[in-house]
Amino acid sequence: MLHKIAIDNKVSLCYKYIGLDDSSLPLLLFLHEGLGSIAQWKHFPEELCKQLNLPGLVYERYGYGHSTPLQENRNDDYLHVESDYYLPLFIKALKLENRPLILIGHSDGGTIALLYTSLFPTQVKYIVSMAAHVFVEQISTTSAVKLIEKYKHHADFREKFKKYHFEHADNTFYQFAETISRQSFQSWNIENCLPKINTPILILQGKSDHYGTEKQVYAIFEKTKSSKKHYLLIDNCGHSPHLEAKEIVLTEIQSFHKEIRISNIELFTVPKKQ
């Protein structure tokens, strides 16, 4: 069931809980891509929650899906704004400030997971970063320009996107695609935030990702200070590993989860009821 909650005087966010209703357990928080929504995750969140036997939470950021449409133009620092303003407000509104979180982020969502963890490291138990970006590459800009042309000239593509983002689909699309393709955004870089992260991290990316290369993976792996971190570049996989290589991704996350449990059992021990 979808719910909505106001996080400030102009923005309400749509969200959905998945699986177990047990506040004593860590919560899997799913952070969607730059053109994503709850529905565009497909069945991946439910399958992962079931596999790990943990509850989950998916939500739509400001400007996406059922959440409040964007009311202003996006700035180049929009990912910072998401991680240090909107996401903390969302977590506070749902009274999750003291809830251990496991962040599952895809693309922009992966970047937000990194930025949020650099700010609130003690709350995040581990990160799964899928196709995250920490600096701009030409391949990403080129793909964004091609995507804009596809959106302009293919009505079926626009209609499919409208199914997820409704009457504000055009605004949602152009605010994202034109931001990452404009000249001022080409110097965007968050590598200076990575050394602040000592949380365990699993980094996944498709070898055929048309929005980023393995340089993104290596930067995250080398510059984070996590004592436990793994990366995997997936064969025959593009920008959406959780959809294009779902079984591989589920297996990798489950293995990483077990490793974290074994190494630090306190993270996943259910507190005894008084």
C-alpha atoms as a PDB file:
ATOM      1  CA  MET A   1       0.000   0.000   0.000  1.00  0.00           C
ATOM      2  CA  LEU A   2       1.282   3.452  -0.936  1.00  0.00           C
ATOM      3  CA  HIS A   3       1.389   6.213   1.670  1.00  0.00           C
ATOM      4  CA  LYS A   4       2.260   9.912   1.592  1.00  0.00           C
ATOM      5  CA  ILE A   5       3.893  12.055   4.232  1.00  0.00           C
ATOM      6  CA  ALA A   6       4.677  15.776   4.349  1.00  0.00           C
ATOM      7  CA  ILE A   7       8.328  16.476   5.092  1.00  0.00           C
ATOM      8  CA  ASP A   8       8.219  20.279   4.913  1.00  0.00           C
ATOM      9  CA  ASN A   9       5.681  22.961   4.004  1.00  0.00           C
ATOM     10  CA  LYS A  10       5.778  22.234   0.264  1.00  0.00           C
ATOM     11  CA  VAL A  11       6.890  18.620  -0.294  1.00  0.00           C
ATOM     12  CA  SER A  12       5.141  15.318   0.402  1.00  0.00           C
ATOM     13  CA  LEU A  13       6.825  12.025  -0.432  1.00  0.00           C
ATOM     14  CA  CYS A  14       5.201   8.749  -1.435  1.00  0.00           C
ATOM     15  CA  TYR A  15       6.451   5.558   0.204  1.00  0.00           C
ATOM     16  CA  LYS A  16       5.691   1.888   0.793  1.00  0.00           C
ATOM     17  CA  TYR A  17       6.797  -0.541   3.476  1.00  0.00           C
ATOM     18  CA  ILE A  18       7.688  -4.079   2.459  1.00  0.00           C
ATOM     19  CA  GLY A  19       7.613  -7.352   4.362  1.00  0.00           C
ATOM     20  CA  LEU A  20       8.125  -7.747   8.075  1.00  0.00           C
ATOM     21  CA  ASP A  21       6.634  -5.285  10.521  1.00  0.00           C
ATOM     22  CA  ASP A  22       9.415  -5.482  13.101  1.00  0.00           C
ATOM     23  CA  SER A  23      11.009  -2.242  14.262  1.00  0.00           C
ATOM     24  CA  SER A  24      13.739  -4.129  16.119  1.00  0.00           C
ATOM     25  CA  LEU A  25      15.310  -5.191  12.806  1.00  0.00           C
ATOM     26  CA  PRO A  26      17.453  -3.109  10.452  1.00  0.00           C
ATOM     27  CA  LEU A  27      15.479  -1.567   7.590  1.00  0.00           C
ATOM     28  CA  LEU A  28      16.396  -1.904   3.925  1.00  0.00           C
ATOM     29  CA  LEU A  29      15.946   1.565   2.395  1.00  0.00           C
ATOM     30  CA  PHE A  30      15.746   1.568  -1.407  1.00  0.00           C
ATOM     31  CA  LEU A  31      16.931   4.701  -3.261  1.00  0.00           C
ATOM     32  CA  HIS A  32      15.849   4.830  -6.899  1.00  0.00           C
ATOM     33  CA  GLU A  33      17.679   6.036 -10.000  1.00  0.00           C
ATOM     34  CA  GLY A  34      17.601   9.509 -11.541  1.00  0.00           C
ATOM     35  CA  LEU A  35      14.489   8.712 -13.593  1.00  0.00           C
ATOM     36  CA  GLY A  36      13.043   6.137 -11.228  1.00  0.00           C
ATOM     37  CA  SER A  37      10.007   5.488  -9.042  1.00  0.00           C
ATOM     38  CA  ILE A  38       8.646   2.825  -6.711  1.00  0.00           C
ATOM     39  CA  ALA A  39       7.090   0.854  -9.564  1.00  0.00           C
ATOM     40  CA  GLN A  40      10.270   0.918 -11.652  1.00  0.00           C
ATOM     41  CA  TRP A  41      12.066  -1.210  -9.064  1.00  0.00           C
ATOM     42  CA  LYS A  42       9.730  -4.029 -10.255  1.00  0.00           C
ATOM     43  CA  HIS A  43       9.822  -6.961  -7.796  1.00  0.00           C
ATOM     44  CA  PHE A  44      13.431  -6.548  -6.717  1.00  0.00           C
ATOM     45  CA  PRO A  45      12.775  -4.937  -3.283  1.00  0.00           C
ATOM     46  CA  GLU A  46      10.263  -7.618  -2.286  1.00  0.00           C
ATOM     47  CA  GLU A  47      12.587 -10.414  -3.380  1.00  0.00           C
ATOM     48  CA  LEU A  48      15.576  -8.974  -1.530  1.00  0.00           C
ATOM     49  CA  CYS A  49      13.590  -8.359   1.665  1.00  0.00           C
ATOM     50  CA  LYS A  50      12.299 -11.933   1.560  1.00  0.00           C
ATOM     51  CA  GLN A  51      15.755 -13.325   0.907  1.00  0.00           C
ATOM     52  CA  LEU A  52      17.354 -11.397   3.790  1.00  0.00           C
ATOM     53  CA  ASN A  53      14.301 -11.784   6.041  1.00  0.00           C
ATOM     54  CA  LEU A  54      14.323  -8.042   6.725  1.00  0.00           C
ATOM     55  CA  PRO A  55      11.742  -5.266   6.309  1.00  0.00           C
ATOM     56  CA  GLY A  56      12.095  -2.711   3.538  1.00  0.00           C
ATOM     57  CA  LEU A  57      11.056   0.797   2.599  1.00  0.00           C
ATOM     58  CA  VAL A  58      10.818   2.199  -0.928  1.00  0.00           C
ATOM     59  CA  TYR A  59       9.985   5.815  -1.631  1.00  0.00           C
ATOM     60  CA  GLU A  60       9.815   8.352  -4.424  1.00  0.00           C
ATOM     61  CA  ARG A  61      11.943  11.456  -4.150  1.00  0.00           C
ATOM     62  CA  TYR A  62      10.676  14.984  -4.640  1.00  0.00           C
ATOM     63  CA  GLY A  63       9.667  15.389  -8.283  1.00  0.00           C
ATOM     64  CA  TYR A  64       9.068  11.700  -8.984  1.00  0.00           C
ATOM     65  CA  GLY A  65       6.075   9.395  -9.257  1.00  0.00           C
ATOM     66  CA  HIS A  66       3.333  10.094  -6.732  1.00  0.00           C
ATOM     67  CA  SER A  67       5.462  12.536  -4.714  1.00  0.00           C
ATOM     68  CA  THR A  68       5.145  16.315  -5.052  1.00  0.00           C
ATOM     69  CA  PRO A  69       6.206  17.476  -8.544  1.00  0.00           C
ATOM     70  CA  LEU A  70       9.252  19.722  -8.747  1.00  0.00           C
ATOM     71  CA  GLN A  71       8.353  23.355  -8.222  1.00  0.00           C
ATOM     72  CA  GLU A  72      11.702  24.882  -9.183  1.00  0.00           C
ATOM     73  CA  ASN A  73      14.635  24.215 -11.500  1.00  0.00           C
ATOM     74  CA  ARG A  74      17.243  21.745 -10.392  1.00  0.00           C
ATOM     75  CA  ASN A  75      20.704  22.969  -9.449  1.00  0.00           C
ATOM     76  CA  ASP A  76      23.960  21.108  -9.994  1.00  0.00           C
ATOM     77  CA  ASP A  77      24.090  20.201  -6.290  1.00  0.00           C
ATOM     78  CA  TYR A  78      20.741  18.370  -6.372  1.00  0.00           C
ATOM     79  CA  LEU A  79      22.232  15.101  -5.076  1.00  0.00           C
ATOM     80  CA  HIS A  80      23.689  16.879  -2.063  1.00  0.00           C
ATOM     81  CA  VAL A  81      20.299  18.476  -1.427  1.00  0.00           C
ATOM     82  CA  GLU A  82      18.665  15.041  -1.525  1.00  0.00           C
ATOM     83  CA  SER A  83      21.139  13.503   0.904  1.00  0.00           C
ATOM     84  CA  ASP A  84      21.461  16.286   3.458  1.00  0.00           C
ATOM     85  CA  TYR A  85      17.971  17.833   3.317  1.00  0.00           C
ATOM     86  CA  TYR A  86      15.140  15.746   1.860  1.00  0.00           C
ATOM     87  CA  LEU A  87      16.267  12.279   2.968  1.00  0.00           C
ATOM     88  CA  PRO A  88      16.963  13.323   6.598  1.00  0.00           C
ATOM     89  CA  LEU A  89      13.568  15.062   6.723  1.00  0.00           C
ATOM     90  CA  PHE A  90      11.869  11.958   5.322  1.00  0.00           C
ATOM     91  CA  ILE A  91      13.588   9.745   7.890  1.00  0.00           C
ATOM     92  CA  LYS A  92      12.632  12.135  10.685  1.00  0.00           C
ATOM     93  CA  ALA A  93       9.005  12.347   9.519  1.00  0.00           C
ATOM     94  CA  LEU A  94       8.736   8.552   9.699  1.00  0.00           C
ATOM     95  CA  LYS A  95      10.485   8.528  13.104  1.00  0.00           C
ATOM     96  CA  LEU A  96      13.355   6.398  11.796  1.00  0.00           C
ATOM     97  CA  GLU A  97      16.233   8.503  13.180  1.00  0.00           C
ATOM     98  CA  ASN A  98      17.313   5.693  15.523  1.00  0.00           C
ATOM     99  CA  ARG A  99      16.555   2.825  13.162  1.00  0.00           C
ATOM    100  CA  PRO A 100      19.583   0.972  11.718  1.00  0.00           C
ATOM    101  CA  LEU A 101      19.487   1.318   7.931  1.00  0.00           C
ATOM    102  CA  ILE A 102      20.857  -0.722   5.060  1.00  0.00           C
ATOM    103  CA  LEU A 103      20.942   1.501   1.975  1.00  0.00           C
ATOM    104  CA  ILE A 104      20.244  -0.071  -1.427  1.00  0.00           C
ATOM    105  CA  GLY A 105      20.928   2.623  -4.022  1.00  0.00           C
ATOM    106  CA  HIS A 106      20.755   2.532  -7.808  1.00  0.00           C
ATOM    107  CA  SER A 107      22.458   5.186  -9.993  1.00  0.00           C
ATOM    108  CA  ASP A 108      21.542   8.578  -8.463  1.00  0.00           C
ATOM    109  CA  GLY A 109      20.185   6.580  -5.528  1.00  0.00           C
ATOM    110  CA  GLY A 110      23.587   4.962  -5.085  1.00  0.00           C
ATOM    111  CA  THR A 111      25.226   8.371  -5.053  1.00  0.00           C
ATOM    112  CA  ILE A 112      22.711   9.590  -2.470  1.00  0.00           C
ATOM    113  CA  ALA A 113      23.464   6.504  -0.357  1.00  0.00           C
ATOM    114  CA  LEU A 114      27.159   7.417  -0.389  1.00  0.00           C
ATOM    115  CA  LEU A 115      26.526  11.059   0.452  1.00  0.00           C
ATOM    116  CA  TYR A 116      24.040  10.259   3.219  1.00  0.00           C
ATOM    117  CA  THR A 117      26.428   7.750   4.796  1.00  0.00           C
ATOM    118  CA  SER A 118      29.256  10.287   4.727  1.00  0.00           C
ATOM    119  CA  LEU A 119      27.000  12.552   6.826  1.00  0.00           C
ATOM    120  CA  PHE A 120      25.323   9.962   9.089  1.00  0.00           C
ATOM    121  CA  PRO A 121      27.778   7.059   9.280  1.00  0.00           C
ATOM    122  CA  THR A 122      26.562   5.518  12.535  1.00  0.00           C
ATOM    123  CA  GLN A 123      23.008   4.929  11.300  1.00  0.00           C
ATOM    124  CA  VAL A 124      23.968   3.042   8.139  1.00  0.00           C
ATOM    125  CA  LYS A 125      24.978  -0.578   8.684  1.00  0.00           C
ATOM    126  CA  TYR A 126      26.066  -1.190   5.101  1.00  0.00           C
ATOM    127  CA  ILE A 127      25.589   0.124   1.580  1.00  0.00           C
ATOM    128  CA  VAL A 128      24.793  -1.628  -1.675  1.00  0.00           C
ATOM    129  CA  SER A 129      25.838   0.773  -4.427  1.00  0.00           C
ATOM    130  CA  MET A 130      24.622  -0.122  -7.930  1.00  0.00           C
ATOM    131  CA  ALA A 131      25.860   2.019 -10.846  1.00  0.00           C
ATOM    132  CA  ALA A 132      26.537   5.024  -8.617  1.00  0.00           C
ATOM    133  CA  HIS A 133      28.416   8.074  -9.899  1.00  0.00           C
ATOM    134  CA  VAL A 134      31.033  10.037  -7.980  1.00  0.00           C
ATOM    135  CA  PHE A 135      32.235  12.228 -10.870  1.00  0.00           C
ATOM    136  CA  VAL A 136      31.091  13.034 -14.402  1.00  0.00           C
ATOM    137  CA  GLU A 137      32.333  11.013 -17.382  1.00  0.00           C
ATOM    138  CA  GLN A 138      31.838  11.821 -21.040  1.00  0.00           C
ATOM    139  CA  ILE A 139      29.928   8.563 -21.543  1.00  0.00           C
ATOM    140  CA  SER A 140      27.274   9.759 -19.101  1.00  0.00           C
ATOM    141  CA  THR A 141      26.874  13.157 -20.762  1.00  0.00           C
ATOM    142  CA  THR A 142      26.718  11.606 -24.234  1.00  0.00           C
ATOM    143  CA  SER A 143      24.080   9.110 -23.117  1.00  0.00           C
ATOM    144  CA  ALA A 144      22.014  11.865 -21.505  1.00  0.00           C
ATOM    145  CA  VAL A 145      22.014  13.882 -24.747  1.00  0.00           C
ATOM    146  CA  LYS A 146      20.923  10.774 -26.691  1.00  0.00           C
ATOM    147  CA  LEU A 147      18.200  10.126 -24.136  1.00  0.00           C
ATOM    148  CA  ILE A 148      16.829  13.648 -24.589  1.00  0.00           C
ATOM    149  CA  GLU A 149      16.639  13.101 -28.352  1.00  0.00           C
ATOM    150  CA  LYS A 150      14.881   9.775 -27.828  1.00  0.00           C
ATOM    151  CA  TYR A 151      12.348  11.385 -25.492  1.00  0.00           C
ATOM    152  CA  LYS A 152      11.659  14.214 -27.925  1.00  0.00           C
ATOM    153  CA  HIS A 153      11.142  11.999 -30.972  1.00  0.00           C
ATOM    154  CA  HIS A 154       9.585   8.766 -29.656  1.00  0.00           C
ATOM    155  CA  ALA A 155       6.027   9.080 -28.391  1.00  0.00           C
ATOM    156  CA  ASP A 156       5.945   5.489 -27.121  1.00  0.00           C
ATOM    157  CA  PHE A 157       8.974   6.189 -24.896  1.00  0.00           C
ATOM    158  CA  ARG A 158       7.287   9.320 -23.501  1.00  0.00           C
ATOM    159  CA  GLU A 159       4.056   7.421 -22.835  1.00  0.00           C
ATOM    160  CA  LYS A 160       5.907   4.663 -20.997  1.00  0.00           C
ATOM    161  CA  PHE A 161       7.613   7.240 -18.799  1.00  0.00           C
ATOM    162  CA  LYS A 162       4.291   8.993 -18.194  1.00  0.00           C
ATOM    163  CA  LYS A 163       2.903   5.753 -16.782  1.00  0.00           C
ATOM    164  CA  TYR A 164       5.247   6.180 -13.813  1.00  0.00           C
ATOM    165  CA  HIS A 165       5.381   9.980 -13.496  1.00  0.00           C
ATOM    166  CA  PHE A 166       1.936  11.057 -14.675  1.00  0.00           C
ATOM    167  CA  GLU A 167       1.188  14.638 -15.718  1.00  0.00           C
ATOM    168  CA  HIS A 168       4.561  15.923 -14.544  1.00  0.00           C
ATOM    169  CA  ALA A 169       6.498  13.362 -16.625  1.00  0.00           C
ATOM    170  CA  ASP A 170       8.005  15.970 -18.965  1.00  0.00           C
ATOM    171  CA  ASN A 171       9.201  18.098 -16.065  1.00  0.00           C
ATOM    172  CA  THR A 172      10.631  15.076 -14.242  1.00  0.00           C
ATOM    173  CA  PHE A 173      12.488  13.934 -17.339  1.00  0.00           C
ATOM    174  CA  TYR A 174      13.943  17.246 -18.473  1.00  0.00           C
ATOM    175  CA  GLN A 175      14.925  18.420 -14.990  1.00  0.00           C
ATOM    176  CA  PHE A 176      17.096  15.298 -14.707  1.00  0.00           C
ATOM    177  CA  ALA A 177      18.427  14.853 -18.244  1.00  0.00           C
ATOM    178  CA  GLU A 178      19.176  18.522 -18.883  1.00  0.00           C
ATOM    179  CA  THR A 179      20.896  18.893 -15.511  1.00  0.00           C
ATOM    180  CA  ILE A 180      23.401  16.092 -16.045  1.00  0.00           C
ATOM    181  CA  SER A 181      24.079  17.105 -19.660  1.00  0.00           C
ATOM    182  CA  ARG A 182      24.643  20.839 -19.127  1.00  0.00           C
ATOM    183  CA  GLN A 183      28.122  22.302 -19.138  1.00  0.00           C
ATOM    184  CA  SER A 184      28.155  23.525 -15.539  1.00  0.00           C
ATOM    185  CA  PHE A 185      27.495  20.000 -14.245  1.00  0.00           C
ATOM    186  CA  GLN A 186      30.595  18.534 -15.895  1.00  0.00           C
ATOM    187  CA  SER A 187      32.799  19.532 -12.943  1.00  0.00           C
ATOM    188  CA  TRP A 188      30.505  17.839 -10.401  1.00  0.00           C
ATOM    189  CA  ASN A 189      32.528  15.504  -8.158  1.00  0.00           C
ATOM    190  CA  ILE A 190      31.965  13.945  -4.715  1.00  0.00           C
ATOM    191  CA  GLU A 191      35.217  12.015  -4.341  1.00  0.00           C
ATOM    192  CA  ASN A 192      36.152  14.237  -1.393  1.00  0.00           C
ATOM    193  CA  CYS A 193      33.196  12.737   0.529  1.00  0.00           C
ATOM    194  CA  LEU A 194      34.281   9.116   0.079  1.00  0.00           C
ATOM    195  CA  PRO A 195      37.040   9.043   2.760  1.00  0.00           C
ATOM    196  CA  LYS A 196      34.340   9.916   5.323  1.00  0.00           C
ATOM    197  CA  ILE A 197      32.718   6.536   4.713  1.00  0.00           C
ATOM    198  CA  ASN A 198      33.894   3.612   6.846  1.00  0.00           C
ATOM    199  CA  THR A 199      30.659   1.651   6.531  1.00  0.00           C
ATOM    200  CA  PRO A 200      30.815  -1.752   4.791  1.00  0.00           C
ATOM    201  CA  ILE A 201      29.989  -1.380   1.109  1.00  0.00           C
ATOM    202  CA  LEU A 202      29.176  -3.637  -1.827  1.00  0.00           C
ATOM    203  CA  ILE A 203      29.762  -1.942  -5.189  1.00  0.00           C
ATOM    204  CA  LEU A 204      28.045  -3.371  -8.274  1.00  0.00           C
ATOM    205  CA  GLN A 205      28.090  -2.182 -11.870  1.00  0.00           C
ATOM    206  CA  GLY A 206      27.407  -3.629 -15.298  1.00  0.00           C
ATOM    207  CA  LYS A 207      30.355  -3.859 -17.656  1.00  0.00           C
ATOM    208  CA  SER A 208      28.113  -2.486 -20.423  1.00  0.00           C
ATOM    209  CA  ASP A 209      26.781   0.446 -18.395  1.00  0.00           C
ATOM    210  CA  HIS A 210      26.253   3.324 -20.842  1.00  0.00           C
ATOM    211  CA  TYR A 211      26.212   5.933 -18.066  1.00  0.00           C
ATOM    212  CA  GLY A 212      29.533   5.160 -16.394  1.00  0.00           C
ATOM    213  CA  THR A 213      32.694   3.081 -16.587  1.00  0.00           C
ATOM    214  CA  GLU A 214      34.606   0.951 -14.120  1.00  0.00           C
ATOM    215  CA  LYS A 215      36.414   4.136 -13.042  1.00  0.00           C
ATOM    216  CA  GLN A 216      33.390   4.915 -10.858  1.00  0.00           C
ATOM    217  CA  VAL A 217      33.684   1.550  -9.119  1.00  0.00           C
ATOM    218  CA  TYR A 218      37.416   1.844  -8.556  1.00  0.00           C
ATOM    219  CA  ALA A 219      37.090   5.358  -7.137  1.00  0.00           C
ATOM    220  CA  ILE A 220      34.454   4.251  -4.609  1.00  0.00           C
ATOM    221  CA  PHE A 221      36.423   1.134  -3.699  1.00  0.00           C
ATOM    222  CA  GLU A 222      39.767   2.868  -3.309  1.00  0.00           C
ATOM    223  CA  LYS A 223      38.663   6.065  -1.562  1.00  0.00           C
ATOM    224  CA  THR A 224      36.138   4.811   0.988  1.00  0.00           C
ATOM    225  CA  LYS A 225      37.691   3.773   4.316  1.00  0.00           C
ATOM    226  CA  SER A 226      35.468   0.742   4.810  1.00  0.00           C
ATOM    227  CA  SER A 227      37.189  -2.248   6.357  1.00  0.00           C
ATOM    228  CA  LYS A 228      34.809  -4.538   4.489  1.00  0.00           C
ATOM    229  CA  LYS A 229      34.171  -3.732   0.864  1.00  0.00           C
ATOM    230  CA  HIS A 230      33.747  -5.699  -2.330  1.00  0.00           C
ATOM    231  CA  TYR A 231      33.070  -4.807  -5.919  1.00  0.00           C
ATOM    232  CA  LEU A 232      31.797  -6.733  -8.899  1.00  0.00           C
ATOM    233  CA  LEU A 233      31.698  -5.714 -12.548  1.00  0.00           C
ATOM    234  CA  ILE A 234      28.938  -7.814 -14.107  1.00  0.00           C
ATOM    235  CA  ASP A 235      29.252  -9.281 -17.609  1.00  0.00           C
ATOM    236  CA  ASN A 236      26.494  -8.648 -20.166  1.00  0.00           C
ATOM    237  CA  CYS A 237      24.859  -6.056 -17.943  1.00  0.00           C
ATOM    238  CA  GLY A 238      24.014  -2.400 -18.486  1.00  0.00           C
ATOM    239  CA  HIS A 239      22.897   0.370 -16.165  1.00  0.00           C
ATOM    240  CA  SER A 240      20.345  -1.617 -14.105  1.00  0.00           C
ATOM    241  CA  PRO A 241      22.051  -4.639 -12.507  1.00  0.00           C
ATOM    242  CA  HIS A 242      19.085  -5.393 -10.235  1.00  0.00           C
ATOM    243  CA  LEU A 243      16.882  -5.885 -13.310  1.00  0.00           C
ATOM    244  CA  GLU A 244      19.335  -7.101 -15.955  1.00  0.00           C
ATOM    245  CA  ALA A 245      21.302  -9.474 -13.691  1.00  0.00           C
ATOM    246  CA  LYS A 246      18.873  -9.887 -10.814  1.00  0.00           C
ATOM    247  CA  GLU A 247      19.932 -13.339  -9.659  1.00  0.00           C
ATOM    248  CA  ILE A 248      23.599 -12.366  -9.589  1.00  0.00           C
ATOM    249  CA  VAL A 249      22.795  -9.205  -7.620  1.00  0.00           C
ATOM    250  CA  LEU A 250      20.582 -11.047  -5.126  1.00  0.00           C
ATOM    251  CA  THR A 251      23.295 -13.661  -4.585  1.00  0.00           C
ATOM    252  CA  GLU A 252      26.016 -11.034  -4.121  1.00  0.00           C
ATOM    253  CA  ILE A 253      23.972  -9.070  -1.600  1.00  0.00           C
ATOM    254  CA  GLN A 254      23.031 -12.181   0.344  1.00  0.00           C
ATOM    255  CA  SER A 255      26.682 -13.270   0.529  1.00  0.00           C
ATOM    256  CA  PHE A 256      27.788  -9.802   1.636  1.00  0.00           C
ATOM    257  CA  HIS A 257      24.996  -9.690   4.209  1.00  0.00           C
ATOM    258  CA  LYS A 258      26.119 -13.015   5.679  1.00  0.00           C
ATOM    259  CA  GLU A 259      29.714 -11.795   5.806  1.00  0.00           C
ATOM    260  CA  ILE A 260      28.674  -8.683   7.722  1.00  0.00           C
ATOM    261  CA  ARG A 261      26.598 -10.746  10.147  1.00  0.00           C
ATOM    262  CA  ILE A 262      29.469 -13.116  10.830  1.00  0.00           C
ATOM    263  CA  SER A 263      31.964 -10.311  11.321  1.00  0.00           C
ATOM    264  CA  ASN A 264      29.717  -8.151  13.502  1.00  0.00           C
ATOM    265  CA  ILE A 265      26.789 -10.100  14.861  1.00  0.00           C
ATOM    266  CA  GLU A 266      25.630  -7.163  17.024  1.00  0.00           C
ATOM    267  CA  LEU A 267      24.429  -5.339  13.916  1.00  0.00           C
ATOM    268  CA  PHE A 268      21.724  -7.907  13.387  1.00  0.00           C
ATOM    269  CA  THR A 269      20.919  -9.176  16.859  1.00  0.00           C
ATOM    270  CA  VAL A 270      17.309  -8.436  17.741  1.00  0.00           C
ATOM    271  CA  PRO A 271      17.219  -6.591  21.098  1.00  0.00           C
ATOM    272  CA  LYS A 272      15.592  -8.609  23.864  1.00  0.00           C
ATOM    273  CA  LYS A 273      12.188  -7.373  24.942  1.00  0.00           C
ATOM    274  CA  GLN A 274      12.128  -5.968  28.441  1.00  0.00           C
END
